[in-house]
Amino acid sequence: MPEFKTQSGITWNFIHEGTGEALVFIHGWGMDGRIWRQQIKHFSEKFQVISLDLPGHGKSSWQKVDLKTMVMDIKKLLEALEIKKVNFVGSSLGGLVMLKYYEAFPKDVSRMIFVGSMPKFSKSEDYPFGLDVPKMRKLGDQVEDAYPAIVDVFFRSLFTREERESRRFKWMQKFRRTTDAPMQASLIEYLDILEQEDLRNVLPTIAVPAQFMNGREDQICTFDAVEFIKTLLPQAHYHYFEKCGHFPFLSKAYEFNEVLDQFILESKT
């Protein structure tokens, strides 16, 4: 798989398949770019697909950098691939990364697809959605004390009971065992980013077609969180996957790809 080293010192690993309009996938906490395997196979027939390994995940190297630096690195990577306009698909933390990219380079973005993602992941007095800060910090402590087992426990918790009992989940567990474990230090640093980053002010400025795709039973980006997002961006498209948790593109890949295809098609008219 291709690599690209930036001035930040990070060597970015990525999957690059297909030709045409660019469709960039960004994974979430504790995952890597191969988690989009079924989307890469489907969309590379029509698009130039890039699936990134975030720093410290997959085969990308790690050093402590902020979200803004990551965005500048992604910009340089896309320039090296001679990509001027991009469609982003971001899962969870990946959605926060692409929103930060839009804040910096709005004219470079054609469409934005948020999957189980929101502009702020930690609860506060004026934001009752997302994760409790004490629980986020506890997870960070657990990563220090019980790594890497705690990553598997956390991954499992993001699926519904019905999803966990499916044959597809067993396949996903087997697939994850073939991937590189994320770097421990990076997981802790990303939890700090998720606690501190607040991009609520960016969401209403989105002037490109946007799609939010959520599992109905997602315990991180909940139904109430999505209803709040609708007040900030009422012109966006919204789709719920029934009996589904945080990763609809894994547990309901066919439906996910169909909805994404339809959104891209409709937003061209």
Protein backbone atom coordinates (compact mmCIF):
# COMPACT_ATOMS: atom_id res chain seq x y z
CA MET A 1 0.00 0.00 0.00
CA PRO A 2 1.26 3.54 -0.75
CA GLU A 3 2.96 5.70 1.86
CA PHE A 4 3.47 9.46 2.06
CA LYS A 5 5.78 11.22 4.52
CA THR A 6 4.90 14.78 5.50
CA GLN A 7 6.79 17.65 7.10
CA SER A 8 5.18 16.74 10.42
CA GLY A 9 7.36 13.62 10.38
CA ILE A 10 4.43 11.22 10.02
CA THR A 11 4.46 8.57 7.34
CA TRP A 12 0.86 8.13 6.22
CA ASN A 13 -0.22 4.73 4.92
CA PHE A 14 -3.28 4.59 2.67
CA ILE A 15 -5.21 2.45 0.21
CA HIS A 16 -5.60 3.96 -3.26
CA GLU A 17 -7.81 2.27 -5.84
CA GLY A 18 -9.88 3.28 -8.85
CA THR A 19 -9.97 6.43 -10.97
CA GLY A 20 -12.12 9.52 -11.33
CA GLU A 21 -13.73 11.71 -8.71
CA ALA A 22 -11.99 11.35 -5.31
CA LEU A 23 -13.79 9.64 -2.42
CA VAL A 24 -11.74 9.69 0.80
CA PHE A 25 -12.63 7.45 3.75
CA ILE A 26 -11.43 8.24 7.29
CA HIS A 27 -11.86 5.66 10.05
CA GLY A 28 -12.51 6.16 13.75
CA TRP A 29 -10.73 5.55 17.06
CA GLY A 30 -8.90 2.24 17.30
CA MET A 31 -9.62 1.19 13.69
CA ASP A 32 -7.65 1.52 10.42
CA GLY A 33 -8.29 2.15 6.74
CA ARG A 34 -9.04 -1.48 5.95
CA ILE A 35 -12.25 -1.27 7.97
CA TRP A 36 -13.79 0.29 4.82
CA ARG A 37 -12.98 -2.87 2.83
CA GLN A 38 -16.49 -3.38 1.46
CA GLN A 39 -16.84 0.29 0.51
CA ILE A 40 -13.43 0.31 -1.20
CA LYS A 41 -14.41 -2.70 -3.32
CA HIS A 42 -17.80 -1.19 -4.24
CA PHE A 43 -16.89 2.45 -4.87
CA SER A 44 -13.51 1.97 -6.58
CA GLU A 45 -15.46 0.83 -9.64
CA LYS A 46 -16.70 4.42 -10.09
CA PHE A 47 -14.40 6.62 -7.99
CA GLN A 48 -10.80 7.20 -7.09
CA VAL A 49 -10.96 5.79 -3.55
CA ILE A 50 -8.47 6.69 -0.83
CA SER A 51 -8.75 5.08 2.61
CA LEU A 52 -6.36 6.58 5.16
CA ASP A 53 -4.72 5.09 8.21
CA LEU A 54 -4.77 7.89 10.78
CA PRO A 55 -1.44 8.46 12.57
CA GLY A 56 -0.68 5.63 14.98
CA HIS A 57 -3.27 3.35 13.35
CA GLY A 58 -2.79 0.61 10.76
CA LYS A 59 0.62 1.10 9.19
CA SER A 60 0.85 4.89 9.60
CA SER A 61 3.58 6.08 11.94
CA TRP A 62 2.90 8.07 15.08
CA GLN A 63 3.98 11.17 16.85
CA LYS A 64 1.89 13.58 18.88
CA VAL A 65 0.20 16.12 16.60
CA ASP A 66 -3.01 18.09 16.83
CA LEU A 67 -6.00 17.84 14.52
CA LYS A 68 -4.94 20.90 12.54
CA THR A 69 -1.57 19.31 11.72
CA MET A 70 -3.29 16.12 10.59
CA VAL A 71 -5.50 18.16 8.28
CA MET A 72 -2.49 19.93 6.78
CA ASP A 73 -0.86 16.53 6.23
CA ILE A 74 -3.97 15.20 4.46
CA LYS A 75 -4.00 18.32 2.28
CA LYS A 76 -0.38 17.65 1.23
CA LEU A 77 -1.13 13.98 0.57
CA LEU A 78 -4.07 14.86 -1.67
CA GLU A 79 -1.98 17.46 -3.50
CA ALA A 80 0.67 14.79 -4.13
CA LEU A 81 -2.06 12.66 -5.71
CA GLU A 82 -3.11 15.71 -7.79
CA ILE A 83 -6.55 15.77 -6.17
CA LYS A 84 -8.09 19.23 -6.03
CA LYS A 85 -11.69 18.41 -5.01
CA VAL A 86 -12.68 15.67 -2.61
CA ASN A 87 -15.67 13.85 -1.20
CA PHE A 88 -15.15 12.82 2.42
CA VAL A 89 -16.67 9.91 4.33
CA GLY A 90 -15.77 9.98 8.03
CA SER A 91 -16.67 7.47 10.75
CA SER A 92 -16.86 8.79 14.32
CA LEU A 93 -13.47 10.46 14.98
CA GLY A 94 -12.95 10.45 11.21
CA GLY A 95 -15.93 12.76 10.83
CA LEU A 96 -14.30 15.21 13.21
CA VAL A 97 -11.13 15.13 11.10
CA MET A 98 -13.02 15.87 7.89
CA LEU A 99 -14.98 18.67 9.56
CA LYS A 100 -11.66 20.21 10.64
CA TYR A 101 -10.50 19.86 7.02
CA TYR A 102 -13.60 21.66 5.81
CA GLU A 103 -12.95 24.47 8.31
CA ALA A 104 -9.48 24.97 6.81
CA PHE A 105 -10.20 24.26 3.13
CA PRO A 106 -13.94 24.61 2.40
CA LYS A 107 -13.43 25.18 -1.34
CA ASP A 108 -11.66 21.84 -1.69
CA VAL A 109 -14.61 19.77 -0.45
CA SER A 110 -17.42 18.59 -2.73
CA ARG A 111 -19.49 16.48 -0.29
CA MET A 112 -19.34 15.37 3.34
CA ILE A 113 -20.70 12.11 4.71
CA PHE A 114 -20.76 11.74 8.51
CA VAL A 115 -21.11 8.20 9.88
CA GLY A 116 -21.87 8.03 13.60
CA SER A 117 -20.11 11.35 13.96
CA MET A 118 -20.80 14.76 15.45
CA PRO A 119 -19.00 18.09 15.92
CA LYS A 120 -18.32 17.52 19.63
CA PHE A 121 -17.88 14.17 21.35
CA SER A 122 -17.74 15.14 25.03
CA LYS A 123 -20.64 16.26 27.19
CA SER A 124 -20.59 19.70 28.78
CA GLU A 125 -23.04 22.01 30.55
CA ASP A 126 -24.29 23.42 27.23
CA TYR A 127 -24.05 20.13 25.31
CA PRO A 128 -25.77 17.07 26.84
CA PHE A 129 -24.80 14.72 24.03
CA GLY A 130 -21.78 12.53 23.45
CA LEU A 131 -19.65 10.85 26.10
CA ASP A 132 -19.22 11.60 29.78
CA VAL A 133 -15.77 13.08 30.31
CA PRO A 134 -15.03 10.89 33.38
CA LYS A 135 -15.83 7.78 31.29
CA MET A 136 -13.55 8.99 28.49
CA ARG A 137 -10.72 9.48 30.96
CA LYS A 138 -11.39 6.08 32.49
CA LEU A 139 -11.11 4.54 29.04
CA GLY A 140 -7.76 6.29 28.67
CA ASP A 141 -6.60 4.75 31.97
CA GLN A 142 -7.79 1.35 30.78
CA VAL A 143 -5.82 1.74 27.55
CA GLU A 144 -2.73 2.32 29.69
CA ASP A 145 -3.40 -0.63 31.98
CA ALA A 146 -5.13 -3.24 29.80
CA TYR A 147 -3.87 -2.62 26.27
CA PRO A 148 -4.64 -4.07 23.73
CA ALA A 149 -7.51 -6.16 25.13
CA ILE A 150 -9.54 -3.07 26.07
CA VAL A 151 -9.68 -2.00 22.39
CA ASP A 152 -11.46 -5.24 21.50
CA VAL A 153 -13.85 -4.83 24.43
CA PHE A 154 -14.64 -1.27 23.34
CA PHE A 155 -15.13 -2.33 19.70
CA ARG A 156 -17.56 -5.04 20.74
CA SER A 157 -19.57 -2.59 22.86
CA LEU A 158 -20.34 -0.44 19.81
CA PHE A 159 -22.59 -3.10 18.27
CA THR A 160 -26.10 -4.07 19.27
CA ARG A 161 -26.75 -7.47 20.80
CA GLU A 162 -28.40 -8.59 17.58
CA GLU A 163 -25.36 -7.50 15.57
CA ARG A 164 -22.97 -9.31 17.91
CA GLU A 165 -24.92 -12.56 17.48
CA SER A 166 -24.78 -12.41 13.69
CA ARG A 167 -22.49 -14.38 11.40
CA ARG A 168 -21.29 -11.08 10.00
CA PHE A 169 -19.95 -10.01 13.39
CA LYS A 170 -17.94 -13.23 13.65
CA TRP A 171 -16.42 -12.40 10.26
CA MET A 172 -15.62 -8.88 11.46
CA GLN A 173 -13.89 -10.22 14.57
CA LYS A 174 -11.81 -12.56 12.44
CA PHE A 175 -10.95 -9.73 10.05
CA ARG A 176 -9.84 -7.45 12.91
CA ARG A 177 -7.41 -10.08 14.13
CA THR A 178 -5.53 -9.72 10.84
CA THR A 179 -5.06 -5.95 11.23
CA ASP A 180 -2.30 -4.08 13.01
CA ALA A 181 -3.16 -3.00 16.54
CA PRO A 182 -3.21 0.80 16.93
CA MET A 183 -0.35 2.34 18.88
CA GLN A 184 -1.16 2.73 22.55
CA ALA A 185 0.08 6.33 22.81
CA SER A 186 -2.03 7.39 19.84
CA LEU A 187 -5.23 6.00 21.38
CA ILE A 188 -4.69 8.02 24.54
CA GLU A 189 -3.92 11.19 22.57
CA TYR A 190 -7.01 10.81 20.37
CA LEU A 191 -9.18 10.49 23.48
CA ASP A 192 -7.82 13.88 24.57
CA ILE A 193 -8.67 15.30 21.14
CA LEU A 194 -12.19 13.87 21.33
CA GLU A 195 -12.64 15.40 24.79
CA GLN A 196 -11.38 18.86 23.86
CA GLU A 197 -12.33 19.48 20.23
CA ASP A 198 -15.52 21.48 19.68
CA LEU A 199 -16.50 22.22 16.07
CA ARG A 200 -20.15 23.10 16.62
CA ASN A 201 -19.52 26.52 15.09
CA VAL A 202 -18.26 24.92 11.87
CA LEU A 203 -21.29 22.75 11.20
CA PRO A 204 -23.71 25.58 10.21
CA THR A 205 -21.12 26.93 7.74
CA ILE A 206 -21.24 23.79 5.58
CA ALA A 207 -22.29 24.90 2.11
CA VAL A 208 -21.80 21.58 0.29
CA PRO A 209 -24.12 18.57 0.21
CA ALA A 210 -23.92 16.68 3.51
CA GLN A 211 -25.25 13.29 4.56
CA PHE A 212 -25.51 11.92 8.12
CA MET A 213 -25.70 8.13 8.41
CA ASN A 214 -26.43 6.65 11.82
CA GLY A 215 -27.37 3.41 13.48
CA ARG A 216 -30.67 3.81 15.26
CA GLU A 217 -29.19 2.25 18.41
CA ASP A 218 -25.83 4.01 18.33
CA GLN A 219 -24.81 4.71 21.94
CA ILE A 220 -22.17 7.32 21.03
CA CYS A 221 -23.84 9.46 18.37
CA THR A 222 -27.34 9.01 19.71
CA PHE A 223 -30.71 9.82 18.17
CA ASP A 224 -30.91 12.96 20.36
CA ALA A 225 -27.48 14.07 19.15
CA VAL A 226 -28.56 13.74 15.54
CA GLU A 227 -31.75 15.69 16.24
CA PHE A 228 -29.56 18.47 17.66
CA ILE A 229 -27.36 18.37 14.55
CA LYS A 230 -30.51 18.85 12.45
CA THR A 231 -31.07 22.20 14.14
CA LEU A 232 -27.59 23.33 13.06
CA LEU A 233 -27.72 21.89 9.54
CA PRO A 234 -31.37 21.36 8.52
CA GLN A 235 -30.56 21.21 4.80
CA ALA A 236 -28.45 18.05 5.17
CA HIS A 237 -29.67 14.52 4.41
CA TYR A 238 -30.24 12.08 7.28
CA HIS A 239 -30.55 8.31 7.24
CA TYR A 240 -31.01 5.81 10.09
CA PHE A 241 -30.10 2.13 9.89
CA GLU A 242 -32.52 0.10 11.98
CA LYS A 243 -31.28 -2.38 14.62
CA CYS A 244 -27.79 -1.01 14.13
CA GLY A 245 -25.08 0.47 16.35
CA HIS A 246 -22.04 2.64 15.61
CA PHE A 247 -20.78 0.99 12.41
CA PRO A 248 -23.53 0.67 9.78
CA PHE A 249 -20.95 0.38 7.01
CA LEU A 250 -19.80 -2.89 8.61
CA SER A 251 -22.99 -4.54 9.79
CA LYS A 252 -25.23 -3.25 6.96
CA ALA A 253 -22.70 -2.77 4.20
CA TYR A 254 -25.10 -3.33 1.27
CA GLU A 255 -27.66 -0.81 2.57
CA PHE A 256 -24.90 1.64 3.48
CA ASN A 257 -23.36 1.53 0.01
CA GLU A 258 -26.80 1.91 -1.58
CA VAL A 259 -27.65 4.99 0.52
CA LEU A 260 -24.27 6.56 -0.21
CA ASP A 261 -24.63 5.86 -3.94
CA GLN A 262 -28.07 7.48 -3.94
CA PHE A 263 -26.87 10.54 -2.02
CA ILE A 264 -23.99 11.16 -4.43
CA LEU A 265 -26.27 10.67 -7.42
CA GLU A 266 -28.98 13.03 -6.12
CA SER A 267 -26.48 15.70 -5.07
CA LYS A 268 -25.15 15.90 -8.64
CA THR A 269 -28.52 17.11 -9.96
